[in-house]
Amino acid sequence: VSLLAHAHHVGDISLTAVDILADSYKKLLNDYGYLAAMQGIDFIQSSAEGLTQTLNERIFDIVYCNNALDHTDSPADSLSQMSELVKCGGYLIISGNSREGTHEKWDGIHMHDIFIENGFLYREGKDKCRTRLDENLSLVTHNWDVDSSDLIEKMFIVFKKTD
């Protein structure tokens, strides 16, 4: 929400925020007097693996996932669910820290390394088993970037939905 709220408030986008902790975040915003700043934003509690069930048949022009895919139980299932929510010709954007599992020594919620290699999105576990996440999805890589200037490498990939 914090990255996209301004565009929502100036009327550029309609924003639906989905997080497994959405109800807790909404309560915190309310308890600390910030809920009004989120006026008109639809907060929905769901796991990434359950998006299509939670959002039923809603379709979006853009689905944006920031620094969250590596915190899901199944990045492959989560990306597939996100892909199903994007309309044909729409965009799925994934950004975050690369290889956060390795960087955080596989601690707690850091059980996956997500990274971009040659314009494709991959998941690798502590066991070094590698899976290409965008394979067999109706997505083509539209744009991607990897920034290695910080201690933790940042990644950004934009997929376009083809059907």
C-alpha atoms as a PDB file:
ATOM      1  CA  VAL A   1       0.000   0.000   0.000  1.00  0.00           C
ATOM      2  CA  SER A   2       2.712   2.488   0.960  1.00  0.00           C
ATOM      3  CA  LEU A   3       4.285   2.421  -2.512  1.00  0.00           C
ATOM      4  CA  LEU A   4       1.016   2.838  -4.409  1.00  0.00           C
ATOM      5  CA  ALA A   5      -1.222   4.858  -2.063  1.00  0.00           C
ATOM      6  CA  HIS A   6      -0.350   8.235  -3.601  1.00  0.00           C
ATOM      7  CA  ALA A   7      -1.399   7.110  -7.098  1.00  0.00           C
ATOM      8  CA  HIS A   8      -4.663   5.868  -5.586  1.00  0.00           C
ATOM      9  CA  HIS A   9      -5.331   9.111  -3.700  1.00  0.00           C
ATOM     10  CA  VAL A  10      -4.765  11.320  -6.750  1.00  0.00           C
ATOM     11  CA  GLY A  11      -7.141   9.127  -8.761  1.00  0.00           C
ATOM     12  CA  ASP A  12      -4.630   7.471 -11.074  1.00  0.00           C
ATOM     13  CA  ILE A  13      -5.436   3.940  -9.894  1.00  0.00           C
ATOM     14  CA  SER A  14      -7.973   1.970  -7.913  1.00  0.00           C
ATOM     15  CA  LEU A  15      -6.065  -0.037  -5.303  1.00  0.00           C
ATOM     16  CA  THR A  16      -6.801  -3.409  -3.768  1.00  0.00           C
ATOM     17  CA  ALA A  17      -4.252  -4.412  -1.123  1.00  0.00           C
ATOM     18  CA  VAL A  18      -3.956  -8.132  -0.405  1.00  0.00           C
ATOM     19  CA  ASP A  19      -1.859  -9.578   2.400  1.00  0.00           C
ATOM     20  CA  ILE A  20      -2.117 -12.525   4.730  1.00  0.00           C
ATOM     21  CA  LEU A  21      -1.890  -9.977   7.584  1.00  0.00           C
ATOM     22  CA  ALA A  22      -4.280  -7.390   6.086  1.00  0.00           C
ATOM     23  CA  ASP A  23      -6.720  -7.458   9.013  1.00  0.00           C
ATOM     24  CA  SER A  24      -3.865  -6.939  11.487  1.00  0.00           C
ATOM     25  CA  TYR A  25      -2.449  -4.060   9.431  1.00  0.00           C
ATOM     26  CA  LYS A  26      -5.870  -2.444   9.204  1.00  0.00           C
ATOM     27  CA  LYS A  27      -6.255  -2.679  12.991  1.00  0.00           C
ATOM     28  CA  LEU A  28      -2.822  -1.138  13.544  1.00  0.00           C
ATOM     29  CA  LEU A  29      -3.603   1.698  11.125  1.00  0.00           C
ATOM     30  CA  ASN A  30      -6.862   2.317  12.971  1.00  0.00           C
ATOM     31  CA  ASP A  31      -5.279   2.092  16.455  1.00  0.00           C
ATOM     32  CA  TYR A  32      -2.604   4.636  15.528  1.00  0.00           C
ATOM     33  CA  GLY A  33      -4.887   7.024  13.660  1.00  0.00           C
ATOM     34  CA  TYR A  34      -3.724   6.300  10.114  1.00  0.00           C
ATOM     35  CA  LEU A  35      -6.735   4.461   8.716  1.00  0.00           C
ATOM     36  CA  ALA A  36      -8.108   7.668   7.149  1.00  0.00           C
ATOM     37  CA  ALA A  37      -4.929   7.868   5.052  1.00  0.00           C
ATOM     38  CA  MET A  38      -5.960   4.571   3.468  1.00  0.00           C
ATOM     39  CA  GLN A  39      -9.465   5.805   2.596  1.00  0.00           C
ATOM     40  CA  GLY A  40     -10.961   3.978  -0.375  1.00  0.00           C
ATOM     41  CA  ILE A  41      -8.316   1.253  -0.504  1.00  0.00           C
ATOM     42  CA  ASP A  42      -9.807  -2.222  -0.433  1.00  0.00           C
ATOM     43  CA  PHE A  43      -7.926  -4.373   2.129  1.00  0.00           C
ATOM     44  CA  ILE A  44      -8.305  -8.124   1.658  1.00  0.00           C
ATOM     45  CA  GLN A  45      -6.774 -10.815   3.845  1.00  0.00           C
ATOM     46  CA  SER A  46      -5.473 -13.769   1.838  1.00  0.00           C
ATOM     47  CA  SER A  47      -2.441 -15.933   1.320  1.00  0.00           C
ATOM     48  CA  ALA A  48      -0.807 -15.613  -2.081  1.00  0.00           C
ATOM     49  CA  GLU A  49      -1.574 -19.274  -2.712  1.00  0.00           C
ATOM     50  CA  GLY A  50      -5.301 -18.591  -2.187  1.00  0.00           C
ATOM     51  CA  LEU A  51      -5.707 -15.427  -4.250  1.00  0.00           C
ATOM     52  CA  THR A  52      -8.069 -16.758  -6.911  1.00  0.00           C
ATOM     53  CA  GLN A  53     -10.375 -18.247  -4.281  1.00  0.00           C
ATOM     54  CA  THR A  54     -10.377 -15.076  -2.171  1.00  0.00           C
ATOM     55  CA  LEU A  55     -10.772 -12.650  -5.065  1.00  0.00           C
ATOM     56  CA  ASN A  56     -13.159 -14.957  -6.961  1.00  0.00           C
ATOM     57  CA  GLU A  57     -13.272 -13.863 -10.585  1.00  0.00           C
ATOM     58  CA  ARG A  58     -11.796 -10.379 -10.187  1.00  0.00           C
ATOM     59  CA  ILE A  59      -9.338  -9.435 -12.928  1.00  0.00           C
ATOM     60  CA  PHE A  60      -6.779  -6.632 -12.677  1.00  0.00           C
ATOM     61  CA  ASP A  61      -4.832  -4.507 -15.164  1.00  0.00           C
ATOM     62  CA  ILE A  62      -1.766  -4.744 -12.937  1.00  0.00           C
ATOM     63  CA  VAL A  63      -0.792  -7.092 -10.124  1.00  0.00           C
ATOM     64  CA  TYR A  64       2.201  -5.869  -8.115  1.00  0.00           C
ATOM     65  CA  CYS A  65       4.107  -7.955  -5.576  1.00  0.00           C
ATOM     66  CA  ASN A  66       6.846  -6.178  -3.646  1.00  0.00           C
ATOM     67  CA  ASN A  67       9.285  -8.121  -1.449  1.00  0.00           C
ATOM     68  CA  ALA A  68       6.733 -10.824  -0.648  1.00  0.00           C
ATOM     69  CA  LEU A  69       7.060 -13.713  -3.113  1.00  0.00           C
ATOM     70  CA  ASP A  70       9.989 -15.183  -1.168  1.00  0.00           C
ATOM     71  CA  HIS A  71       7.903 -15.166   2.032  1.00  0.00           C
ATOM     72  CA  THR A  72       5.154 -17.410   0.632  1.00  0.00           C
ATOM     73  CA  ASP A  73       4.895 -21.141   1.278  1.00  0.00           C
ATOM     74  CA  SER A  74       5.040 -21.808  -2.457  1.00  0.00           C
ATOM     75  CA  PRO A  75       6.438 -19.094  -4.730  1.00  0.00           C
ATOM     76  CA  ALA A  76       5.458 -21.161  -7.810  1.00  0.00           C
ATOM     77  CA  ASP A  77       1.812 -21.486  -6.724  1.00  0.00           C
ATOM     78  CA  SER A  78       1.746 -17.839  -5.651  1.00  0.00           C
ATOM     79  CA  LEU A  79       3.049 -16.574  -9.004  1.00  0.00           C
ATOM     80  CA  SER A  80       0.553 -18.791 -10.810  1.00  0.00           C
ATOM     81  CA  GLN A  81      -2.296 -17.364  -8.701  1.00  0.00           C
ATOM     82  CA  MET A  82      -1.154 -13.787  -9.387  1.00  0.00           C
ATOM     83  CA  SER A  83      -0.930 -14.551 -13.100  1.00  0.00           C
ATOM     84  CA  GLU A  84      -4.530 -15.752 -13.160  1.00  0.00           C
ATOM     85  CA  LEU A  85      -5.686 -12.403 -11.759  1.00  0.00           C
ATOM     86  CA  VAL A  86      -4.099 -10.354 -14.569  1.00  0.00           C
ATOM     87  CA  LYS A  87      -6.212  -9.574 -17.619  1.00  0.00           C
ATOM     88  CA  CYS A  88      -4.883 -10.355 -21.098  1.00  0.00           C
ATOM     89  CA  GLY A  89      -2.476  -7.556 -22.028  1.00  0.00           C
ATOM     90  CA  GLY A  90      -2.075  -6.601 -18.359  1.00  0.00           C
ATOM     91  CA  TYR A  91       1.077  -6.692 -16.281  1.00  0.00           C
ATOM     92  CA  LEU A  92       2.423  -8.700 -13.363  1.00  0.00           C
ATOM     93  CA  ILE A  93       5.261  -6.946 -11.548  1.00  0.00           C
ATOM     94  CA  ILE A  94       7.557  -8.644  -9.056  1.00  0.00           C
ATOM     95  CA  SER A  95      10.146  -6.688  -7.093  1.00  0.00           C
ATOM     96  CA  GLY A  96      12.187  -7.280  -3.991  1.00  0.00           C
ATOM     97  CA  ASN A  97      15.471  -8.526  -2.663  1.00  0.00           C
ATOM     98  CA  SER A  98      17.298 -11.228  -4.595  1.00  0.00           C
ATOM     99  CA  ARG A  99      18.420 -14.377  -2.805  1.00  0.00           C
ATOM    100  CA  GLU A 100      17.095 -13.250   0.558  1.00  0.00           C
ATOM    101  CA  GLY A 101      17.019 -16.836   1.874  1.00  0.00           C
ATOM    102  CA  THR A 102      20.771 -17.150   1.479  1.00  0.00           C
ATOM    103  CA  HIS A 103      21.377 -13.635   2.788  1.00  0.00           C
ATOM    104  CA  GLU A 104      19.256 -14.290   5.907  1.00  0.00           C
ATOM    105  CA  LYS A 105      20.797 -17.762   6.397  1.00  0.00           C
ATOM    106  CA  TRP A 106      17.454 -19.527   5.724  1.00  0.00           C
ATOM    107  CA  ASP A 107      16.008 -18.127   8.951  1.00  0.00           C
ATOM    108  CA  GLY A 108      12.290 -17.841   9.718  1.00  0.00           C
ATOM    109  CA  ILE A 109      10.278 -16.620   6.744  1.00  0.00           C
ATOM    110  CA  HIS A 110      13.331 -16.574   4.472  1.00  0.00           C
ATOM    111  CA  MET A 111      13.034 -20.079   3.029  1.00  0.00           C
ATOM    112  CA  HIS A 112      13.388 -19.219  -0.669  1.00  0.00           C
ATOM    113  CA  ASP A 113      15.911 -17.493  -2.873  1.00  0.00           C
ATOM    114  CA  ILE A 114      14.032 -15.617  -5.603  1.00  0.00           C
ATOM    115  CA  PHE A 115      16.186 -14.165  -8.357  1.00  0.00           C
ATOM    116  CA  ILE A 116      16.276 -13.141 -12.020  1.00  0.00           C
ATOM    117  CA  GLU A 117      18.596 -14.821 -14.462  1.00  0.00           C
ATOM    118  CA  ASN A 118      18.625 -13.904 -18.166  1.00  0.00           C
ATOM    119  CA  GLY A 119      15.186 -12.296 -17.876  1.00  0.00           C
ATOM    120  CA  PHE A 120      13.528 -15.280 -16.202  1.00  0.00           C
ATOM    121  CA  LEU A 121      12.365 -15.595 -12.593  1.00  0.00           C
ATOM    122  CA  TYR A 122      13.722 -18.449 -10.491  1.00  0.00           C
ATOM    123  CA  ARG A 123      13.284 -19.962  -7.041  1.00  0.00           C
ATOM    124  CA  GLU A 124      16.020 -21.905  -5.321  1.00  0.00           C
ATOM    125  CA  GLY A 125      15.912 -23.506  -1.878  1.00  0.00           C
ATOM    126  CA  LYS A 126      18.498 -24.326   0.720  1.00  0.00           C
ATOM    127  CA  ASP A 127      18.804 -27.727  -1.000  1.00  0.00           C
ATOM    128  CA  LYS A 128      19.904 -25.875  -4.191  1.00  0.00           C
ATOM    129  CA  CYS A 129      16.887 -27.238  -6.097  1.00  0.00           C
ATOM    130  CA  ARG A 130      16.135 -24.602  -8.760  1.00  0.00           C
ATOM    131  CA  THR A 131      12.772 -23.961 -10.428  1.00  0.00           C
ATOM    132  CA  ARG A 132      11.906 -21.438 -13.127  1.00  0.00           C
ATOM    133  CA  LEU A 133       8.787 -19.776 -11.729  1.00  0.00           C
ATOM    134  CA  ASP A 134       7.465 -18.117 -14.893  1.00  0.00           C
ATOM    135  CA  GLU A 135       7.665 -21.269 -17.018  1.00  0.00           C
ATOM    136  CA  ASN A 136       4.339 -22.618 -18.345  1.00  0.00           C
ATOM    137  CA  LEU A 137       2.478 -19.423 -17.417  1.00  0.00           C
ATOM    138  CA  SER A 138       0.864 -17.121 -19.984  1.00  0.00           C
ATOM    139  CA  LEU A 139       3.515 -14.487 -19.275  1.00  0.00           C
ATOM    140  CA  VAL A 140       6.310 -12.967 -21.310  1.00  0.00           C
ATOM    141  CA  THR A 141       9.075 -10.890 -19.776  1.00  0.00           C
ATOM    142  CA  HIS A 142       8.413  -7.264 -20.727  1.00  0.00           C
ATOM    143  CA  ASN A 143      11.236  -5.648 -18.742  1.00  0.00           C
ATOM    144  CA  TRP A 144      13.626  -6.577 -15.955  1.00  0.00           C
ATOM    145  CA  ASP A 145      16.462  -5.121 -13.923  1.00  0.00           C
ATOM    146  CA  VAL A 146      18.860  -6.261 -11.231  1.00  0.00           C
ATOM    147  CA  ASP A 147      20.610  -3.680  -9.047  1.00  0.00           C
ATOM    148  CA  SER A 148      23.712  -4.950  -7.275  1.00  0.00           C
ATOM    149  CA  SER A 149      24.829  -1.598  -5.869  1.00  0.00           C
ATOM    150  CA  ASP A 150      23.605  -2.338  -2.301  1.00  0.00           C
ATOM    151  CA  LEU A 151      24.549  -5.037   0.168  1.00  0.00           C
ATOM    152  CA  ILE A 152      21.456  -6.977  -0.914  1.00  0.00           C
ATOM    153  CA  GLU A 153      20.798  -7.216  -4.650  1.00  0.00           C
ATOM    154  CA  LYS A 154      17.428  -5.760  -5.728  1.00  0.00           C
ATOM    155  CA  MET A 155      15.369  -7.226  -8.541  1.00  0.00           C
ATOM    156  CA  PHE A 156      12.484  -5.950 -10.643  1.00  0.00           C
ATOM    157  CA  ILE A 157      10.688  -7.898 -13.362  1.00  0.00           C
ATOM    158  CA  VAL A 158       7.613  -6.991 -15.404  1.00  0.00           C
ATOM    159  CA  PHE A 159       5.656  -9.710 -17.151  1.00  0.00           C
ATOM    160  CA  LYS A 160       2.956  -9.102 -19.749  1.00  0.00           C
ATOM    161  CA  LYS A 161      -0.027 -11.488 -19.758  1.00  0.00           C
ATOM    162  CA  THR A 162      -0.445 -13.040 -23.198  1.00  0.00           C
ATOM    163  CA  ASP A 163      -3.824 -14.819 -22.889  1.00  0.00           C
END
